[in-house]
C-alpha cells in the first residue's frame, strides 16, 4: 500500500462502504469532494452523514482529531470539522482491518480508542475500540438526553423520511413536509 494520503483515504472509504453494506445499509456518495462528509448511510428511512478517517494504531490506540489537514502548492492547511455537518466519523484501522463508528458530538476535540489493552491495565476513562464496531450503536457513556433525535418528514404516500442530525431542532423549526410526484 502506498503511503499517499489520498490512497489511504480512498481505502478507508472503500472499507467503510463494504462494512456498511454488509450491515444492511444503502451507501450514497456525494457528487463532490468538497462535502463535509464522505458518504451517507441509509437504512429504514434514516440518512446518516459519515466522514471517514484512515488511522493506523500507535501504541495500541487510534486517535482522531476533529479536523481535516491537507497540503497543496500553497502549503499545509487545517480546517476544523463542524460537528453539525456530520453525524458519524468512521475510523478505519488497517492493523485491525476494522471500522469504528463514533458520534463526534459525544466527544470534545478528539477521541482515542484502544485497540489493545494498555500495558498498565488502566480501564478508567479508556474507550475500547470494540465498543464502537457497530454503526449506530450509542455509546453507553453518553446520557440518552444528549443524543440527537431524527428529523422526520412525510414523503410520497406519507411514508416517513428521516434524517439524523447532530443538532436537535427546536420545536418551532421542526417541519413536516409532504412531497408529491
N, C-alpha and C. Protein backbone atom coordinates (compact mmCIF):
# COMPACT_ATOMS: atom_id res chain seq x y z
N UNK A 1 0.85 -1.19 0.00
CA UNK A 1 0.00 0.00 0.00
C UNK A 1 0.89 1.24 0.00
N UNK A 2 0.64 2.11 -0.92
CA UNK A 2 1.38 3.37 -0.97
C UNK A 2 1.02 4.20 0.26
N UNK A 3 1.88 5.14 0.60
CA UNK A 3 1.63 5.97 1.77
C UNK A 3 1.02 7.31 1.40
N UNK A 4 0.57 7.43 0.18
CA UNK A 4 -0.05 8.68 -0.23
C UNK A 4 -1.37 8.88 0.52
N UNK A 5 -1.57 10.05 1.04
CA UNK A 5 -2.74 10.36 1.86
C UNK A 5 -4.04 10.06 1.12
N UNK A 6 -4.14 10.43 -0.14
CA UNK A 6 -5.36 10.20 -0.93
C UNK A 6 -5.65 8.71 -1.05
N UNK A 7 -4.61 7.89 -1.27
CA UNK A 7 -4.81 6.44 -1.36
C UNK A 7 -5.34 5.88 -0.05
N UNK A 8 -4.81 6.36 1.06
CA UNK A 8 -5.28 5.89 2.37
C UNK A 8 -6.74 6.29 2.59
N UNK A 9 -7.08 7.51 2.24
CA UNK A 9 -8.46 7.97 2.38
C UNK A 9 -9.40 7.15 1.51
N UNK A 10 -8.98 6.85 0.28
CA UNK A 10 -9.81 6.04 -0.62
C UNK A 10 -10.00 4.63 -0.06
N UNK A 11 -8.95 4.05 0.51
CA UNK A 11 -9.06 2.71 1.10
C UNK A 11 -10.01 2.75 2.30
N UNK A 12 -9.88 3.75 3.16
CA UNK A 12 -10.77 3.87 4.31
C UNK A 12 -12.22 3.99 3.88
N UNK A 13 -12.49 4.79 2.86
CA UNK A 13 -13.85 4.96 2.36
C UNK A 13 -14.38 3.65 1.77
N UNK A 14 -13.54 2.93 1.04
CA UNK A 14 -13.95 1.65 0.47
C UNK A 14 -14.26 0.63 1.57
N UNK A 15 -13.46 0.60 2.62
CA UNK A 15 -13.70 -0.33 3.73
C UNK A 15 -14.97 0.04 4.47
N UNK A 16 -15.21 1.34 4.69
CA UNK A 16 -16.44 1.79 5.35
C UNK A 16 -17.65 1.42 4.49
N UNK A 17 -17.55 1.63 3.18
CA UNK A 17 -18.63 1.29 2.25
C UNK A 17 -18.96 -0.20 2.38
N UNK A 18 -17.95 -1.06 2.30
CA UNK A 18 -18.17 -2.50 2.39
C UNK A 18 -18.76 -2.89 3.75
N UNK A 19 -18.26 -2.29 4.82
CA UNK A 19 -18.74 -2.61 6.17
C UNK A 19 -20.20 -2.21 6.34
N UNK A 20 -20.57 -1.05 5.85
CA UNK A 20 -21.95 -0.58 5.98
C UNK A 20 -22.90 -1.41 5.12
N UNK A 21 -22.50 -1.75 3.90
CA UNK A 21 -23.34 -2.58 3.04
C UNK A 21 -23.54 -3.95 3.68
N UNK A 22 -22.47 -4.52 4.25
CA UNK A 22 -22.59 -5.81 4.94
C UNK A 22 -23.53 -5.73 6.14
N UNK A 23 -23.72 -4.55 6.70
CA UNK A 23 -24.61 -4.34 7.84
C UNK A 23 -26.03 -3.97 7.42
N UNK A 24 -26.31 -4.00 6.11
CA UNK A 24 -27.65 -3.75 5.62
C UNK A 24 -27.97 -2.33 5.23
N UNK A 25 -26.97 -1.46 5.14
CA UNK A 25 -27.19 -0.07 4.74
C UNK A 25 -27.06 0.08 3.22
N UNK A 26 -27.77 1.03 2.67
CA UNK A 26 -27.52 1.50 1.32
C UNK A 26 -26.56 2.67 1.49
N UNK A 27 -25.51 2.71 0.69
CA UNK A 27 -24.49 3.76 0.84
C UNK A 27 -24.56 4.69 -0.36
N UNK A 28 -24.65 5.97 -0.08
CA UNK A 28 -24.71 7.02 -1.10
C UNK A 28 -23.44 7.86 -1.01
N UNK A 29 -22.97 8.33 -2.17
CA UNK A 29 -21.77 9.15 -2.21
C UNK A 29 -22.10 10.53 -2.76
N UNK A 30 -21.51 11.59 -2.17
CA UNK A 30 -21.76 12.94 -2.70
C UNK A 30 -21.13 13.09 -4.08
N UNK A 31 -21.69 13.98 -4.87
CA UNK A 31 -21.19 14.21 -6.22
C UNK A 31 -19.99 15.16 -6.23
N UNK A 32 -19.51 15.55 -5.07
CA UNK A 32 -18.37 16.46 -4.97
C UNK A 32 -17.42 15.98 -3.87
N UNK A 33 -16.17 16.33 -3.99
CA UNK A 33 -15.20 16.02 -2.93
C UNK A 33 -15.17 17.12 -1.87
N UNK A 34 -15.98 18.15 -2.06
CA UNK A 34 -15.96 19.29 -1.15
C UNK A 34 -17.05 19.23 -0.08
N UNK A 35 -17.80 18.12 -0.03
CA UNK A 35 -18.81 17.96 1.02
C UNK A 35 -18.10 17.66 2.33
N UNK A 36 -18.70 18.01 3.46
CA UNK A 36 -18.06 17.75 4.75
C UNK A 36 -18.10 16.27 5.13
N UNK A 37 -18.83 15.45 4.39
CA UNK A 37 -18.92 14.02 4.66
C UNK A 37 -18.45 13.25 3.43
N UNK A 38 -18.04 12.00 3.65
CA UNK A 38 -17.54 11.15 2.56
C UNK A 38 -18.61 10.25 1.98
N UNK A 39 -19.61 9.91 2.79
CA UNK A 39 -20.69 9.06 2.32
C UNK A 39 -21.90 9.25 3.21
N UNK A 40 -23.02 8.72 2.75
CA UNK A 40 -24.26 8.76 3.52
C UNK A 40 -24.75 7.33 3.65
N UNK A 41 -25.01 6.90 4.87
CA UNK A 41 -25.55 5.57 5.14
C UNK A 41 -27.06 5.70 5.30
N UNK A 42 -27.80 4.89 4.55
CA UNK A 42 -29.26 4.97 4.58
C UNK A 42 -29.84 3.59 4.92
N UNK A 43 -30.77 3.57 5.87
CA UNK A 43 -31.49 2.34 6.21
C UNK A 43 -32.73 2.72 7.02
N UNK A 44 -33.82 2.02 6.76
CA UNK A 44 -35.07 2.21 7.49
C UNK A 44 -35.52 3.68 7.50
N UNK A 45 -35.36 4.36 6.38
CA UNK A 45 -35.82 5.73 6.27
C UNK A 45 -34.95 6.77 6.94
N UNK A 46 -33.76 6.39 7.41
CA UNK A 46 -32.87 7.34 8.07
C UNK A 46 -31.58 7.51 7.27
N UNK A 47 -31.15 8.76 7.13
CA UNK A 47 -29.90 9.11 6.47
C UNK A 47 -28.90 9.54 7.54
N UNK A 48 -27.66 9.06 7.43
CA UNK A 48 -26.59 9.42 8.36
C UNK A 48 -25.37 9.87 7.57
N UNK A 49 -24.92 11.09 7.80
CA UNK A 49 -23.74 11.62 7.11
C UNK A 49 -22.48 11.11 7.83
N UNK A 50 -21.57 10.52 7.06
CA UNK A 50 -20.39 9.87 7.65
C UNK A 50 -19.11 10.44 7.03
N UNK A 51 -18.21 10.86 7.89
CA UNK A 51 -16.87 11.24 7.44
C UNK A 51 -15.94 10.09 7.81
N UNK A 52 -15.10 9.69 6.87
CA UNK A 52 -14.22 8.53 7.07
C UNK A 52 -12.79 9.01 7.32
N UNK A 53 -12.15 8.40 8.31
CA UNK A 53 -10.75 8.69 8.64
C UNK A 53 -9.97 7.38 8.62
N UNK A 54 -8.81 7.38 7.99
CA UNK A 54 -7.89 6.24 7.99
C UNK A 54 -6.87 6.52 9.08
N UNK A 55 -6.78 5.64 10.07
CA UNK A 55 -5.82 5.85 11.15
C UNK A 55 -5.13 4.55 11.51
N UNK A 56 -3.81 4.56 11.49
CA UNK A 56 -3.02 3.43 11.97
C UNK A 56 -2.93 3.50 13.48
N UNK A 57 -2.83 2.33 14.10
CA UNK A 57 -2.71 2.34 15.56
C UNK A 57 -1.27 2.63 15.96
N UNK A 58 -1.15 3.33 17.05
CA UNK A 58 0.17 3.62 17.65
C UNK A 58 0.06 3.28 19.12
N UNK A 59 0.96 2.44 19.59
CA UNK A 59 0.96 2.01 21.00
C UNK A 59 -0.39 1.43 21.40
N UNK A 60 -1.03 0.71 20.47
CA UNK A 60 -2.28 0.04 20.78
C UNK A 60 -3.51 0.91 20.76
N UNK A 61 -3.41 2.12 20.20
CA UNK A 61 -4.56 3.04 20.18
C UNK A 61 -4.64 3.76 18.85
N UNK A 62 -5.85 4.18 18.50
CA UNK A 62 -6.05 5.03 17.32
C UNK A 62 -6.65 6.34 17.80
N UNK A 63 -6.14 7.44 17.27
CA UNK A 63 -6.59 8.78 17.69
C UNK A 63 -7.07 9.57 16.48
N UNK A 64 -8.11 10.34 16.70
CA UNK A 64 -8.64 11.21 15.65
C UNK A 64 -8.91 12.58 16.26
N UNK A 65 -8.32 13.60 15.64
CA UNK A 65 -8.65 14.99 15.97
C UNK A 65 -9.76 15.40 15.02
N UNK A 66 -10.73 16.13 15.49
CA UNK A 66 -11.85 16.53 14.66
C UNK A 66 -11.47 17.73 13.81
N UNK A 67 -10.63 17.46 12.84
CA UNK A 67 -10.20 18.47 11.87
C UNK A 67 -9.69 17.75 10.62
N UNK A 68 -9.62 18.46 9.53
CA UNK A 68 -9.06 17.94 8.29
C UNK A 68 -7.79 18.71 7.98
N UNK A 69 -6.77 17.99 7.55
CA UNK A 69 -5.50 18.60 7.19
C UNK A 69 -5.16 18.16 5.78
N UNK A 70 -4.76 19.10 4.94
CA UNK A 70 -4.34 18.76 3.59
C UNK A 70 -3.25 19.72 3.16
N UNK A 71 -2.53 19.32 2.15
CA UNK A 71 -1.44 20.16 1.62
C UNK A 71 -1.64 20.34 0.12
N UNK A 72 -1.28 21.50 -0.34
CA UNK A 72 -1.27 21.78 -1.77
C UNK A 72 -0.09 22.71 -2.06
N UNK A 73 -0.05 23.27 -3.23
CA UNK A 73 1.10 24.12 -3.60
C UNK A 73 1.19 25.39 -2.75
N UNK A 74 0.12 25.71 -2.03
CA UNK A 74 0.12 26.89 -1.18
C UNK A 74 0.49 26.58 0.27
N UNK A 75 0.81 25.31 0.54
CA UNK A 75 1.21 24.93 1.89
C UNK A 75 0.26 23.94 2.54
N UNK A 76 0.39 23.79 3.83
CA UNK A 76 -0.45 22.88 4.60
C UNK A 76 -1.60 23.66 5.22
N UNK A 77 -2.78 23.09 5.14
CA UNK A 77 -3.99 23.76 5.61
C UNK A 77 -4.70 22.88 6.64
N UNK A 78 -5.35 23.51 7.58
CA UNK A 78 -6.12 22.80 8.60
C UNK A 78 -7.51 23.43 8.66
N UNK A 79 -8.52 22.57 8.69
CA UNK A 79 -9.90 23.04 8.82
C UNK A 79 -10.56 22.18 9.87
N UNK A 80 -11.17 22.81 10.85
CA UNK A 80 -11.85 22.02 11.88
C UNK A 80 -13.12 21.42 11.31
N UNK A 81 -13.51 20.31 11.87
CA UNK A 81 -14.74 19.64 11.47
C UNK A 81 -15.89 20.30 12.22
N UNK A 82 -16.88 20.73 11.48
CA UNK A 82 -18.07 21.28 12.11
C UNK A 82 -18.98 20.10 12.43
N UNK A 83 -19.13 19.82 13.70
CA UNK A 83 -19.85 18.63 14.14
C UNK A 83 -21.31 18.63 13.68
N UNK A 84 -21.87 19.79 13.41
CA UNK A 84 -23.25 19.86 12.95
C UNK A 84 -23.40 19.39 11.50
N UNK A 85 -22.29 19.24 10.77
CA UNK A 85 -22.34 18.85 9.36
C UNK A 85 -22.18 17.35 9.14
N UNK A 86 -21.86 16.61 10.19
CA UNK A 86 -21.74 15.16 10.07
C UNK A 86 -22.40 14.49 11.27
N UNK A 87 -22.81 13.26 11.08
CA UNK A 87 -23.46 12.52 12.15
C UNK A 87 -22.51 11.51 12.80
N UNK A 88 -21.63 10.93 12.00
CA UNK A 88 -20.68 9.93 12.48
C UNK A 88 -19.32 10.13 11.84
N UNK A 89 -18.30 9.71 12.55
CA UNK A 89 -16.97 9.57 11.98
C UNK A 89 -16.68 8.07 11.99
N UNK A 90 -16.32 7.55 10.84
CA UNK A 90 -15.90 6.16 10.73
C UNK A 90 -14.38 6.17 10.72
N UNK A 91 -13.78 5.44 11.64
CA UNK A 91 -12.33 5.34 11.70
C UNK A 91 -11.94 3.96 11.20
N UNK A 92 -11.23 3.91 10.07
CA UNK A 92 -10.73 2.62 9.57
C UNK A 92 -9.30 2.43 10.05
N UNK A 93 -9.04 1.30 10.70
CA UNK A 93 -7.70 0.98 11.21
C UNK A 93 -7.15 -0.20 10.41
N UNK A 94 -6.06 -0.02 9.64
CA UNK A 94 -5.53 -1.11 8.82
C UNK A 94 -4.96 -2.28 9.63
N UNK A 95 -4.48 -2.02 10.82
CA UNK A 95 -3.91 -3.11 11.63
C UNK A 95 -4.98 -4.09 12.09
N UNK A 96 -6.17 -3.61 12.37
CA UNK A 96 -7.26 -4.49 12.78
C UNK A 96 -8.18 -4.83 11.60
N UNK A 97 -8.04 -4.09 10.50
CA UNK A 97 -8.90 -4.19 9.32
C UNK A 97 -10.37 -4.06 9.73
N UNK A 98 -10.65 -3.12 10.63
CA UNK A 98 -12.00 -2.88 11.14
C UNK A 98 -12.35 -1.41 11.04
N UNK A 99 -13.65 -1.15 11.00
CA UNK A 99 -14.17 0.21 11.04
C UNK A 99 -14.80 0.43 12.41
N UNK A 100 -14.59 1.63 12.95
CA UNK A 100 -15.14 2.02 14.25
C UNK A 100 -15.95 3.30 14.03
N UNK A 101 -17.15 3.35 14.59
CA UNK A 101 -18.07 4.45 14.35
C UNK A 101 -18.30 5.25 15.63
N UNK A 102 -18.00 6.53 15.55
CA UNK A 102 -18.21 7.40 16.71
C UNK A 102 -19.06 8.59 16.31
N UNK A 103 -19.78 9.11 17.27
CA UNK A 103 -20.54 10.35 17.07
C UNK A 103 -19.67 11.49 17.59
N UNK A 104 -19.29 12.42 16.75
CA UNK A 104 -18.41 13.50 17.21
C UNK A 104 -19.00 14.32 18.34
N UNK A 105 -20.31 14.47 18.39
CA UNK A 105 -20.93 15.25 19.47
C UNK A 105 -20.74 14.61 20.84
N UNK A 106 -20.40 13.33 20.86
CA UNK A 106 -20.18 12.64 22.13
C UNK A 106 -18.79 12.89 22.70
N UNK A 107 -17.96 13.61 21.96
CA UNK A 107 -16.55 13.82 22.35
C UNK A 107 -16.17 15.28 22.18
N UNK A 108 -15.05 15.66 22.75
CA UNK A 108 -14.58 17.05 22.68
C UNK A 108 -13.92 17.31 21.31
N UNK A 109 -12.63 17.63 21.30
CA UNK A 109 -11.92 17.97 20.07
C UNK A 109 -11.21 16.78 19.44
N UNK A 110 -11.15 15.66 20.17
CA UNK A 110 -10.50 14.47 19.64
C UNK A 110 -11.03 13.26 20.38
N UNK A 111 -10.68 12.08 19.88
CA UNK A 111 -11.05 10.84 20.54
C UNK A 111 -9.92 9.83 20.33
N UNK A 112 -9.67 9.01 21.35
CA UNK A 112 -8.68 7.94 21.26
C UNK A 112 -9.36 6.64 21.66
N UNK A 113 -9.25 5.65 20.78
CA UNK A 113 -9.82 4.34 21.03
C UNK A 113 -8.70 3.33 21.21
N UNK A 114 -8.81 2.47 22.21
CA UNK A 114 -7.82 1.42 22.46
C UNK A 114 -8.18 0.20 21.63
N UNK A 115 -7.25 -0.26 20.79
CA UNK A 115 -7.47 -1.49 20.02
C UNK A 115 -6.87 -2.69 20.73
N UNK A 116 -5.91 -2.46 21.64
CA UNK A 116 -5.37 -3.50 22.52
C UNK A 116 -5.32 -2.91 23.93
N UNK A 117 -5.45 -3.75 24.95
CA UNK A 117 -5.43 -3.22 26.32
C UNK A 117 -4.11 -2.49 26.61
N UNK A 118 -4.19 -1.49 27.46
CA UNK A 118 -2.99 -0.74 27.83
C UNK A 118 -2.07 -1.62 28.68
N UNK A 119 -0.79 -1.35 28.65
CA UNK A 119 0.18 -2.16 29.39
C UNK A 119 0.01 -2.04 30.90
N UNK A 120 -0.51 -0.91 31.36
CA UNK A 120 -0.70 -0.74 32.81
C UNK A 120 -2.08 -1.20 33.27
N UNK A 121 -2.85 -1.81 32.37
CA UNK A 121 -4.18 -2.35 32.65
C UNK A 121 -5.19 -1.29 33.09
N UNK A 122 -4.96 -0.04 32.73
CA UNK A 122 -5.91 1.03 33.06
C UNK A 122 -7.24 0.77 32.35
N UNK A 123 -8.33 0.93 33.05
CA UNK A 123 -9.66 0.73 32.49
C UNK A 123 -10.51 2.01 32.60
N UNK A 124 -10.23 2.84 33.61
CA UNK A 124 -11.00 4.05 33.83
C UNK A 124 -10.73 5.04 32.70
N UNK A 125 -11.80 5.59 32.15
CA UNK A 125 -11.74 6.58 31.07
C UNK A 125 -11.06 6.06 29.80
N UNK A 126 -11.05 4.75 29.61
CA UNK A 126 -10.49 4.14 28.41
C UNK A 126 -11.65 3.76 27.50
N UNK A 127 -11.58 4.19 26.25
CA UNK A 127 -12.60 3.83 25.27
C UNK A 127 -12.08 2.64 24.46
N UNK A 128 -12.67 1.47 24.69
CA UNK A 128 -12.27 0.28 23.96
C UNK A 128 -12.86 0.33 22.57
N UNK A 129 -12.03 0.16 21.55
CA UNK A 129 -12.47 0.27 20.16
C UNK A 129 -13.61 -0.70 19.85
N UNK A 130 -13.59 -1.88 20.43
CA UNK A 130 -14.62 -2.89 20.15
C UNK A 130 -16.03 -2.37 20.46
N UNK A 131 -16.17 -1.44 21.40
CA UNK A 131 -17.49 -0.86 21.73
C UNK A 131 -18.05 -0.03 20.58
N UNK A 132 -17.21 0.37 19.64
CA UNK A 132 -17.61 1.26 18.55
C UNK A 132 -17.62 0.56 17.20
N UNK A 133 -17.63 -0.78 17.21
CA UNK A 133 -17.56 -1.56 15.98
C UNK A 133 -18.83 -1.48 15.15
N UNK A 134 -19.98 -1.32 15.78
CA UNK A 134 -21.25 -1.37 15.06
C UNK A 134 -21.83 0.01 14.87
N UNK A 135 -22.19 0.31 13.64
CA UNK A 135 -22.73 1.61 13.27
C UNK A 135 -24.07 1.84 13.96
N UNK A 136 -24.23 3.03 14.54
CA UNK A 136 -25.50 3.43 15.11
C UNK A 136 -25.75 2.95 16.52
N UNK A 137 -24.83 2.19 17.10
CA UNK A 137 -25.00 1.74 18.47
C UNK A 137 -24.50 2.86 19.37
N UNK A 138 -25.35 3.41 20.23
CA UNK A 138 -24.93 4.56 21.05
C UNK A 138 -23.87 4.17 22.08
N UNK A 139 -23.02 5.12 22.38
CA UNK A 139 -22.01 4.94 23.42
C UNK A 139 -22.74 4.95 24.76
N UNK A 140 -22.62 3.87 25.54
CA UNK A 140 -23.34 3.82 26.82
C UNK A 140 -22.89 4.90 27.80
N UNK A 141 -21.73 5.51 27.58
CA UNK A 141 -21.24 6.55 28.49
C UNK A 141 -21.95 7.89 28.26
N UNK A 142 -22.69 8.01 27.15
CA UNK A 142 -23.37 9.27 26.82
C UNK A 142 -24.83 9.17 27.25
N UNK A 143 -25.31 10.10 28.08
CA UNK A 143 -26.70 10.06 28.53
C UNK A 143 -27.68 10.18 27.36
N UNK A 144 -28.80 9.50 27.47
CA UNK A 144 -29.83 9.50 26.43
C UNK A 144 -30.26 10.92 26.05
N UNK A 145 -30.34 11.82 27.01
CA UNK A 145 -30.78 13.19 26.74
C UNK A 145 -29.83 13.94 25.81
N UNK A 146 -28.58 13.52 25.73
CA UNK A 146 -27.60 14.20 24.88
C UNK A 146 -27.54 13.64 23.46
N UNK A 147 -28.33 12.61 23.18
CA UNK A 147 -28.32 12.00 21.85
C UNK A 147 -29.33 12.70 20.96
N UNK A 148 -29.02 12.89 19.67
CA UNK A 148 -29.95 13.58 18.78
C UNK A 148 -31.13 12.70 18.42
N UNK A 149 -32.25 13.31 18.12
CA UNK A 149 -33.38 12.56 17.60
C UNK A 149 -33.51 12.89 16.13
N UNK A 150 -33.98 11.94 15.33
CA UNK A 150 -34.08 12.19 13.90
C UNK A 150 -35.16 13.20 13.57
N UNK A 151 -34.98 13.87 12.45
CA UNK A 151 -36.00 14.77 11.92
C UNK A 151 -36.80 13.96 10.93
N UNK A 152 -38.12 13.99 11.06
CA UNK A 152 -38.97 13.17 10.22
C UNK A 152 -39.82 14.07 9.34
N UNK A 153 -39.90 13.73 8.08
CA UNK A 153 -40.77 14.43 7.15
C UNK A 153 -41.57 13.38 6.40
N UNK A 154 -42.75 13.74 5.91
CA UNK A 154 -43.56 12.81 5.15
C UNK A 154 -43.17 12.87 3.69
N UNK A 155 -43.07 11.72 3.08
CA UNK A 155 -42.72 11.63 1.67
C UNK A 155 -43.92 11.18 0.86
N UNK A 156 -43.66 10.53 -0.26
CA UNK A 156 -44.71 10.01 -1.11
C UNK A 156 -45.54 9.02 -0.30
N UNK A 157 -46.85 9.06 -0.42
CA UNK A 157 -47.77 8.20 0.32
C UNK A 157 -47.59 8.32 1.82
N UNK A 158 -47.16 9.50 2.29
CA UNK A 158 -46.96 9.79 3.71
C UNK A 158 -46.00 8.83 4.40
N UNK A 159 -45.08 8.23 3.65
CA UNK A 159 -44.03 7.41 4.25
C UNK A 159 -43.05 8.35 4.94
N UNK A 160 -42.54 8.01 6.11
CA UNK A 160 -41.61 8.92 6.80
C UNK A 160 -40.26 8.98 6.09
N UNK A 161 -39.73 10.16 5.99
CA UNK A 161 -38.37 10.37 5.51
C UNK A 161 -37.62 10.95 6.70
N UNK A 162 -36.56 10.29 7.10
CA UNK A 162 -35.87 10.69 8.32
C UNK A 162 -34.43 11.04 8.00
N UNK A 163 -33.94 12.08 8.63
CA UNK A 163 -32.54 12.44 8.51
C UNK A 163 -32.01 12.65 9.91
N UNK A 164 -30.99 11.88 10.26
CA UNK A 164 -30.40 12.05 11.59
C UNK A 164 -29.53 13.28 11.57
N UNK A 165 -29.64 14.08 12.60
CA UNK A 165 -28.83 15.28 12.67
C UNK A 165 -28.20 15.37 14.04
N UNK A 166 -27.04 15.97 14.09
CA UNK A 166 -26.35 16.07 15.37
C UNK A 166 -26.80 17.28 16.17
N UNK A 167 -27.67 18.10 15.60
CA UNK A 167 -28.20 19.23 16.35
C UNK A 167 -29.70 19.06 16.47
N UNK A 168 -30.20 19.07 17.67
CA UNK A 168 -31.62 18.91 17.94
C UNK A 168 -32.35 20.18 17.49
N UNK A 169 -33.28 20.07 16.54
CA UNK A 169 -34.01 21.27 16.15
C UNK A 169 -35.00 21.69 17.23
N UNK A 170 -35.27 22.97 17.29
CA UNK A 170 -36.27 23.45 18.24
C UNK A 170 -37.64 23.07 17.72
N UNK A 171 -38.61 23.06 18.61
CA UNK A 171 -39.97 22.69 18.22
C UNK A 171 -40.50 23.61 17.13
N UNK A 172 -40.11 24.88 17.17
CA UNK A 172 -40.60 25.82 16.16
C UNK A 172 -39.94 25.63 14.81
N UNK A 173 -38.72 25.06 14.77
CA UNK A 173 -38.04 24.89 13.49
C UNK A 173 -38.27 23.52 12.88
N UNK A 174 -38.87 22.57 13.63
CA UNK A 174 -39.15 21.23 13.13
C UNK A 174 -40.33 21.32 12.18
N UNK A 175 -40.17 20.81 10.99
CA UNK A 175 -41.22 20.91 9.99
C UNK A 175 -41.52 19.54 9.43
N UNK A 176 -42.73 19.34 9.05
CA UNK A 176 -43.14 18.14 8.33
C UNK A 176 -43.61 18.58 6.97
N UNK A 177 -43.03 17.98 5.95
CA UNK A 177 -43.37 18.35 4.58
C UNK A 177 -43.95 17.15 3.86
N UNK A 178 -44.84 17.42 2.95
CA UNK A 178 -45.38 16.37 2.10
C UNK A 178 -44.92 16.67 0.68
N UNK A 179 -44.34 15.66 0.05
CA UNK A 179 -43.86 15.79 -1.31
C UNK A 179 -44.77 15.01 -2.22
N UNK A 180 -45.14 15.59 -3.34
CA UNK A 180 -45.99 14.90 -4.30
C UNK A 180 -45.25 14.78 -5.60
N UNK A 181 -45.52 13.65 -6.27
CA UNK A 181 -44.87 13.39 -7.57
C UNK A 181 -45.82 13.75 -8.67
